[in-house]
Amino acid sequence: MATMVQMANNLLLFLIVFSWSLSVINAQEITTAASEESETIWSSCNEEFKYPMAAKDVKVYVNQCPPVNGNETRCKLTKGIDAVLKIQFRTIAKVPSIERIIVARVPVAGNMVEMPYGPSMSPCENSSTIADDGSECVDNGVVPDKYYTFTSLFKVLKSFPTVQNISTRIIVRQKLDDHKKIRLYKKHPGPMLFCVLVPNIEVVEQTIAID
């Protein structure tokens, strides 16, 4: 029992550290190799909401996740090696101010528990460009019929515990100061741009080659 409690505590610590280590980087700093990655395995979770989305043509790229047409089905994040998350989408409607949240479904003490990866953050703060014309967010919001790219860096520390079967919902929505509870994301009353589910994430030990 003590071991199970300790594992649960380690996982919660992982989520806290992971959330605060999820730092935003400028899209121009992504290497050519990362930009040319295949689209990552993911699925839309838009159907969980009762109103239409304000974005379409969503694509997801993670440099440590398998491509859509690949045989591997698990995203493997390696301790000590950062992973790059890049999302591209086309806007349908204007949303004056947006925020990105991450909600995870993880195993804790034998049960699957849904919890937020830290607080919300603005994707417009040093993290977004429009793919076609190089324009950026307008006053922390987006305008219709534009192609945006949001890029974030996953800081995967060497001290992270080894975990499996984590799935994450990445949600971009209108920012509302009076609706901050991320865990109640399905009750968010404002416009949603999209919801993306990246399933089956695992954090593994770094393999050291022996000559």
C-alpha atoms as a PDB file:
ATOM      1  CA  MET A   1       0.000   0.000   0.000  1.00  0.00           C
ATOM      2  CA  ALA A   2       2.827   2.366   0.912  1.00  0.00           C
ATOM      3  CA  THR A   3       4.488   1.627  -2.429  1.00  0.00           C
ATOM      4  CA  MET A   4       1.260   2.413  -4.316  1.00  0.00           C
ATOM      5  CA  VAL A   5       0.857   5.703  -2.429  1.00  0.00           C
ATOM      6  CA  GLN A   6       4.473   6.602  -3.172  1.00  0.00           C
ATOM      7  CA  MET A   7       3.940   5.861  -6.885  1.00  0.00           C
ATOM      8  CA  ALA A   8       0.856   8.076  -6.896  1.00  0.00           C
ATOM      9  CA  ASN A   9       2.791  10.860  -5.173  1.00  0.00           C
ATOM     10  CA  ASN A  10       5.623  10.530  -7.697  1.00  0.00           C
ATOM     11  CA  LEU A  11       3.167  10.763 -10.584  1.00  0.00           C
ATOM     12  CA  LEU A  12       1.502  13.852  -9.120  1.00  0.00           C
ATOM     13  CA  LEU A  13       4.947  15.415  -8.680  1.00  0.00           C
ATOM     14  CA  PHE A  14       5.697  14.564 -12.304  1.00  0.00           C
ATOM     15  CA  LEU A  15       2.526  16.337 -13.462  1.00  0.00           C
ATOM     16  CA  ILE A  16       3.293  19.452 -11.423  1.00  0.00           C
ATOM     17  CA  VAL A  17       6.898  19.699 -12.605  1.00  0.00           C
ATOM     18  CA  PHE A  18       5.926  18.825 -16.175  1.00  0.00           C
ATOM     19  CA  SER A  19       3.279  21.543 -16.295  1.00  0.00           C
ATOM     20  CA  TRP A  20       5.585  24.276 -15.112  1.00  0.00           C
ATOM     21  CA  SER A  21       8.377  23.009 -17.359  1.00  0.00           C
ATOM     22  CA  LEU A  22       6.173  23.214 -20.455  1.00  0.00           C
ATOM     23  CA  SER A  23       7.782  26.400 -21.749  1.00  0.00           C
ATOM     24  CA  VAL A  24       6.795  28.223 -24.910  1.00  0.00           C
ATOM     25  CA  ILE A  25       9.340  28.816 -27.658  1.00  0.00           C
ATOM     26  CA  ASN A  26       9.178  30.912 -30.809  1.00  0.00           C
ATOM     27  CA  ALA A  27       8.199  28.998 -33.952  1.00  0.00           C
ATOM     28  CA  GLN A  28      11.144  30.511 -35.829  1.00  0.00           C
ATOM     29  CA  GLU A  29      13.541  28.671 -33.492  1.00  0.00           C
ATOM     30  CA  ILE A  30      12.346  25.212 -34.516  1.00  0.00           C
ATOM     31  CA  THR A  31      14.913  23.335 -36.547  1.00  0.00           C
ATOM     32  CA  THR A  32      14.323  22.278 -40.136  1.00  0.00           C
ATOM     33  CA  ALA A  33      14.190  18.644 -39.047  1.00  0.00           C
ATOM     34  CA  ALA A  34      11.388  19.311 -36.572  1.00  0.00           C
ATOM     35  CA  SER A  35       9.477  21.342 -39.159  1.00  0.00           C
ATOM     36  CA  GLU A  36       9.556  18.457 -41.632  1.00  0.00           C
ATOM     37  CA  GLU A  37       8.160  15.839 -39.257  1.00  0.00           C
ATOM     38  CA  SER A  38       5.258  13.639 -40.157  1.00  0.00           C
ATOM     39  CA  GLU A  39       1.892  14.389 -38.615  1.00  0.00           C
ATOM     40  CA  THR A  40       1.537  12.787 -35.180  1.00  0.00           C
ATOM     41  CA  ILE A  41      -1.046  10.183 -34.180  1.00  0.00           C
ATOM     42  CA  TRP A  42      -3.898  12.080 -32.543  1.00  0.00           C
ATOM     43  CA  SER A  43      -7.661  12.326 -32.618  1.00  0.00           C
ATOM     44  CA  SER A  44     -10.142  15.147 -32.348  1.00  0.00           C
ATOM     45  CA  CYS A  45     -12.074  15.561 -29.099  1.00  0.00           C
ATOM     46  CA  ASN A  46     -14.297  18.304 -30.532  1.00  0.00           C
ATOM     47  CA  GLU A  47     -17.315  16.010 -30.196  1.00  0.00           C
ATOM     48  CA  GLU A  48     -17.109  16.357 -26.408  1.00  0.00           C
ATOM     49  CA  PHE A  49     -18.478  19.889 -26.757  1.00  0.00           C
ATOM     50  CA  LYS A  50     -21.990  20.863 -27.817  1.00  0.00           C
ATOM     51  CA  TYR A  51     -21.117  23.901 -29.916  1.00  0.00           C
ATOM     52  CA  PRO A  52     -19.147  24.273 -33.173  1.00  0.00           C
ATOM     53  CA  MET A  53     -15.397  24.872 -33.149  1.00  0.00           C
ATOM     54  CA  ALA A  54     -13.809  28.139 -34.342  1.00  0.00           C
ATOM     55  CA  ALA A  55     -10.946  26.365 -36.171  1.00  0.00           C
ATOM     56  CA  LYS A  56     -10.474  23.525 -38.664  1.00  0.00           C
ATOM     57  CA  ASP A  57      -7.739  21.663 -40.583  1.00  0.00           C
ATOM     58  CA  VAL A  58      -5.895  20.915 -37.329  1.00  0.00           C
ATOM     59  CA  LYS A  59      -2.551  19.093 -37.595  1.00  0.00           C
ATOM     60  CA  VAL A  60      -0.298  17.962 -34.758  1.00  0.00           C
ATOM     61  CA  TYR A  61       3.448  17.312 -34.814  1.00  0.00           C
ATOM     62  CA  VAL A  62       5.544  15.976 -31.918  1.00  0.00           C
ATOM     63  CA  ASN A  63       9.136  15.012 -32.634  1.00  0.00           C
ATOM     64  CA  GLN A  64       9.016  12.041 -30.230  1.00  0.00           C
ATOM     65  CA  CYS A  65       5.641  10.693 -31.347  1.00  0.00           C
ATOM     66  CA  PRO A  66       4.995   8.363 -34.298  1.00  0.00           C
ATOM     67  CA  PRO A  67       3.609   9.625 -37.616  1.00  0.00           C
ATOM     68  CA  VAL A  68       0.002   9.004 -38.604  1.00  0.00           C
ATOM     69  CA  ASN A  69       0.932   6.276 -41.091  1.00  0.00           C
ATOM     70  CA  GLY A  70       3.552   4.606 -38.899  1.00  0.00           C
ATOM     71  CA  ASN A  71       3.363   1.234 -37.136  1.00  0.00           C
ATOM     72  CA  GLU A  72       4.244   2.522 -33.649  1.00  0.00           C
ATOM     73  CA  THR A  73       1.266   3.720 -31.600  1.00  0.00           C
ATOM     74  CA  ARG A  74       2.966   5.097 -28.487  1.00  0.00           C
ATOM     75  CA  CYS A  75       4.545   8.515 -27.969  1.00  0.00           C
ATOM     76  CA  LYS A  76       7.828   7.942 -26.136  1.00  0.00           C
ATOM     77  CA  LEU A  77       9.244  10.927 -24.259  1.00  0.00           C
ATOM     78  CA  THR A  78      12.785  10.234 -23.087  1.00  0.00           C
ATOM     79  CA  LYS A  79      14.091  11.574 -19.797  1.00  0.00           C
ATOM     80  CA  GLY A  80      16.550  14.418 -20.368  1.00  0.00           C
ATOM     81  CA  ILE A  81      15.520  14.979 -24.009  1.00  0.00           C
ATOM     82  CA  ASP A  82      13.110  17.809 -24.805  1.00  0.00           C
ATOM     83  CA  ALA A  83      10.168  17.173 -27.122  1.00  0.00           C
ATOM     84  CA  VAL A  84       8.659  19.776 -29.448  1.00  0.00           C
ATOM     85  CA  LEU A  85       4.889  20.116 -29.784  1.00  0.00           C
ATOM     86  CA  LYS A  86       3.621  21.960 -32.869  1.00  0.00           C
ATOM     87  CA  ILE A  87      -0.038  22.505 -33.788  1.00  0.00           C
ATOM     88  CA  GLN A  88      -1.250  24.015 -37.049  1.00  0.00           C
ATOM     89  CA  PHE A  89      -4.844  25.075 -37.693  1.00  0.00           C
ATOM     90  CA  ARG A  90      -7.026  27.377 -39.764  1.00  0.00           C
ATOM     91  CA  THR A  91      -9.401  29.771 -38.035  1.00  0.00           C
ATOM     92  CA  ILE A  92     -13.086  29.990 -38.929  1.00  0.00           C
ATOM     93  CA  ALA A  93     -14.148  32.819 -36.624  1.00  0.00           C
ATOM     94  CA  LYS A  94     -12.577  35.697 -34.735  1.00  0.00           C
ATOM     95  CA  VAL A  95     -11.717  35.015 -31.101  1.00  0.00           C
ATOM     96  CA  PRO A  96     -10.431  38.162 -29.347  1.00  0.00           C
ATOM     97  CA  SER A  97      -8.314  36.493 -26.664  1.00  0.00           C
ATOM     98  CA  ILE A  98      -7.271  32.850 -26.487  1.00  0.00           C
ATOM     99  CA  GLU A  99      -5.670  30.461 -24.022  1.00  0.00           C
ATOM    100  CA  ARG A 100      -4.219  26.973 -24.253  1.00  0.00           C
ATOM    101  CA  ILE A 101      -4.900  24.370 -21.587  1.00  0.00           C
ATOM    102  CA  ILE A 102      -3.726  20.785 -21.198  1.00  0.00           C
ATOM    103  CA  VAL A 103      -5.818  18.164 -19.398  1.00  0.00           C
ATOM    104  CA  ALA A 104      -4.296  14.732 -18.743  1.00  0.00           C
ATOM    105  CA  ARG A 105      -5.869  11.354 -18.052  1.00  0.00           C
ATOM    106  CA  VAL A 106      -3.352   9.334 -16.043  1.00  0.00           C
ATOM    107  CA  PRO A 107      -3.264   6.163 -13.923  1.00  0.00           C
ATOM    108  CA  VAL A 108      -3.146   6.906 -10.176  1.00  0.00           C
ATOM    109  CA  ALA A 109      -3.313   4.063  -7.634  1.00  0.00           C
ATOM    110  CA  GLY A 110      -5.030   1.774 -10.130  1.00  0.00           C
ATOM    111  CA  ASN A 111      -7.594   4.308 -11.357  1.00  0.00           C
ATOM    112  CA  MET A 112      -7.650   6.622 -14.372  1.00  0.00           C
ATOM    113  CA  VAL A 113      -7.805  10.202 -13.101  1.00  0.00           C
ATOM    114  CA  GLU A 114      -8.284  13.351 -15.174  1.00  0.00           C
ATOM    115  CA  MET A 115      -6.296  16.378 -14.025  1.00  0.00           C
ATOM    116  CA  PRO A 116      -4.903  19.621 -15.484  1.00  0.00           C
ATOM    117  CA  TYR A 117      -1.272  20.124 -16.477  1.00  0.00           C
ATOM    118  CA  GLY A 118      -0.920  23.339 -14.507  1.00  0.00           C
ATOM    119  CA  PRO A 119      -2.576  26.685 -15.290  1.00  0.00           C
ATOM    120  CA  SER A 120      -3.680  27.969 -18.674  1.00  0.00           C
ATOM    121  CA  MET A 121      -1.264  29.974 -20.802  1.00  0.00           C
ATOM    122  CA  SER A 122      -1.557  32.294 -23.768  1.00  0.00           C
ATOM    123  CA  PRO A 123      -0.347  30.689 -27.009  1.00  0.00           C
ATOM    124  CA  CYS A 124       0.140  34.207 -28.357  1.00  0.00           C
ATOM    125  CA  GLU A 125       2.967  35.059 -25.969  1.00  0.00           C
ATOM    126  CA  ASN A 126       6.084  34.471 -28.070  1.00  0.00           C
ATOM    127  CA  SER A 127       4.745  31.242 -29.509  1.00  0.00           C
ATOM    128  CA  SER A 128       2.632  31.779 -32.597  1.00  0.00           C
ATOM    129  CA  THR A 129       2.968  32.762 -36.214  1.00  0.00           C
ATOM    130  CA  ILE A 130       0.634  32.471 -39.151  1.00  0.00           C
ATOM    131  CA  ALA A 131       2.011  29.838 -41.505  1.00  0.00           C
ATOM    132  CA  ASP A 132       1.299  31.709 -44.748  1.00  0.00           C
ATOM    133  CA  ASP A 133       2.087  35.401 -44.316  1.00  0.00           C
ATOM    134  CA  GLY A 134       4.141  35.561 -41.119  1.00  0.00           C
ATOM    135  CA  SER A 135       1.594  37.641 -39.204  1.00  0.00           C
ATOM    136  CA  GLU A 136       1.101  37.050 -35.490  1.00  0.00           C
ATOM    137  CA  CYS A 137      -1.753  37.018 -32.994  1.00  0.00           C
ATOM    138  CA  VAL A 138      -3.780  40.226 -32.874  1.00  0.00           C
ATOM    139  CA  ASP A 139      -4.028  41.476 -29.277  1.00  0.00           C
ATOM    140  CA  ASN A 140      -3.662  37.894 -27.992  1.00  0.00           C
ATOM    141  CA  GLY A 141      -6.485  36.717 -30.246  1.00  0.00           C
ATOM    142  CA  VAL A 142      -7.019  35.326 -33.736  1.00  0.00           C
ATOM    143  CA  VAL A 143      -8.871  36.508 -36.829  1.00  0.00           C
ATOM    144  CA  PRO A 144     -10.891  34.421 -39.340  1.00  0.00           C
ATOM    145  CA  ASP A 145      -9.451  32.483 -42.280  1.00  0.00           C
ATOM    146  CA  LYS A 146      -5.800  32.451 -41.192  1.00  0.00           C
ATOM    147  CA  TYR A 147      -3.362  29.562 -40.763  1.00  0.00           C
ATOM    148  CA  TYR A 148      -1.703  29.595 -37.341  1.00  0.00           C
ATOM    149  CA  THR A 149       1.145  27.533 -35.906  1.00  0.00           C
ATOM    150  CA  PHE A 150       1.562  27.162 -32.134  1.00  0.00           C
ATOM    151  CA  THR A 151       4.825  25.692 -30.863  1.00  0.00           C
ATOM    152  CA  SER A 152       5.759  24.608 -27.329  1.00  0.00           C
ATOM    153  CA  LEU A 153       8.754  22.839 -25.827  1.00  0.00           C
ATOM    154  CA  PHE A 154       8.233  19.887 -23.479  1.00  0.00           C
ATOM    155  CA  LYS A 155      11.032  19.975 -20.886  1.00  0.00           C
ATOM    156  CA  VAL A 156      11.465  16.303 -20.036  1.00  0.00           C
ATOM    157  CA  LEU A 157      13.754  16.311 -16.993  1.00  0.00           C
ATOM    158  CA  LYS A 158      16.029  13.390 -16.093  1.00  0.00           C
ATOM    159  CA  SER A 159      14.343  13.286 -12.676  1.00  0.00           C
ATOM    160  CA  PHE A 160      10.885  12.499 -14.105  1.00  0.00           C
ATOM    161  CA  PRO A 161       9.485   9.124 -13.011  1.00  0.00           C
ATOM    162  CA  THR A 162       8.970   6.408 -15.598  1.00  0.00           C
ATOM    163  CA  VAL A 163       5.244   6.447 -16.460  1.00  0.00           C
ATOM    164  CA  GLN A 164       2.959   4.903 -19.083  1.00  0.00           C
ATOM    165  CA  ASN A 165      -0.555   5.277 -20.505  1.00  0.00           C
ATOM    166  CA  ILE A 166      -0.830   9.049 -20.205  1.00  0.00           C
ATOM    167  CA  SER A 167      -3.235  10.725 -22.626  1.00  0.00           C
ATOM    168  CA  THR A 168      -3.506  14.493 -22.950  1.00  0.00           C
ATOM    169  CA  ARG A 169      -6.178  16.823 -24.281  1.00  0.00           C
ATOM    170  CA  ILE A 170      -4.722  19.987 -25.778  1.00  0.00           C
ATOM    171  CA  ILE A 171      -7.402  22.676 -25.946  1.00  0.00           C
ATOM    172  CA  VAL A 172      -7.301  26.185 -27.390  1.00  0.00           C
ATOM    173  CA  ARG A 173     -10.310  28.308 -26.457  1.00  0.00           C
ATOM    174  CA  GLN A 174     -11.432  31.842 -25.707  1.00  0.00           C
ATOM    175  CA  LYS A 175      -9.879  33.149 -22.511  1.00  0.00           C
ATOM    176  CA  LEU A 176     -12.470  34.127 -19.926  1.00  0.00           C
ATOM    177  CA  ASP A 177     -11.258  35.553 -16.620  1.00  0.00           C
ATOM    178  CA  ASP A 178     -14.365  34.340 -14.786  1.00  0.00           C
ATOM    179  CA  HIS A 179     -14.002  30.723 -15.943  1.00  0.00           C
ATOM    180  CA  LYS A 180     -10.583  29.524 -14.836  1.00  0.00           C
ATOM    181  CA  LYS A 181     -11.247  25.977 -13.637  1.00  0.00           C
ATOM    182  CA  ILE A 182      -9.423  23.832 -16.160  1.00  0.00           C
ATOM    183  CA  ARG A 183     -10.800  20.560 -14.810  1.00  0.00           C
ATOM    184  CA  LEU A 184     -14.302  21.745 -15.783  1.00  0.00           C
ATOM    185  CA  TYR A 185     -13.185  22.336 -19.366  1.00  0.00           C
ATOM    186  CA  LYS A 186     -16.307  20.706 -20.847  1.00  0.00           C
ATOM    187  CA  LYS A 187     -18.449  23.430 -19.257  1.00  0.00           C
ATOM    188  CA  HIS A 188     -16.459  26.293 -20.769  1.00  0.00           C
ATOM    189  CA  PRO A 189     -19.089  28.751 -22.088  1.00  0.00           C
ATOM    190  CA  GLY A 190     -16.962  30.638 -24.601  1.00  0.00           C
ATOM    191  CA  PRO A 191     -15.875  29.776 -28.159  1.00  0.00           C
ATOM    192  CA  MET A 192     -13.529  26.803 -28.592  1.00  0.00           C
ATOM    193  CA  LEU A 193     -10.997  26.684 -31.413  1.00  0.00           C
ATOM    194  CA  PHE A 194     -10.289  22.960 -31.120  1.00  0.00           C
ATOM    195  CA  CYS A 195      -9.675  20.014 -28.822  1.00  0.00           C
ATOM    196  CA  VAL A 196      -6.944  17.502 -29.704  1.00  0.00           C
ATOM    197  CA  LEU A 197      -6.336  14.192 -27.919  1.00  0.00           C
ATOM    198  CA  VAL A 198      -2.784  12.793 -28.021  1.00  0.00           C
ATOM    199  CA  PRO A 199      -3.077   9.242 -26.615  1.00  0.00           C
ATOM    200  CA  ASN A 200      -0.718   6.689 -25.107  1.00  0.00           C
ATOM    201  CA  ILE A 201       2.241   8.777 -23.918  1.00  0.00           C
ATOM    202  CA  GLU A 202       5.120   7.090 -22.101  1.00  0.00           C
ATOM    203  CA  VAL A 203       8.183   8.552 -20.357  1.00  0.00           C
ATOM    204  CA  VAL A 204      11.173   6.206 -20.657  1.00  0.00           C
ATOM    205  CA  GLU A 205      14.774   6.056 -19.501  1.00  0.00           C
ATOM    206  CA  GLN A 206      17.457   7.352 -21.838  1.00  0.00           C
ATOM    207  CA  THR A 207      19.331   4.533 -23.561  1.00  0.00           C
ATOM    208  CA  ILE A 208      23.115   4.811 -23.372  1.00  0.00           C
ATOM    209  CA  ALA A 209      24.981   3.187 -26.240  1.00  0.00           C
ATOM    210  CA  ILE A 210      27.897   0.933 -25.248  1.00  0.00           C
ATOM    211  CA  ASP A 211      30.759   0.711 -27.729  1.00  0.00           C
END
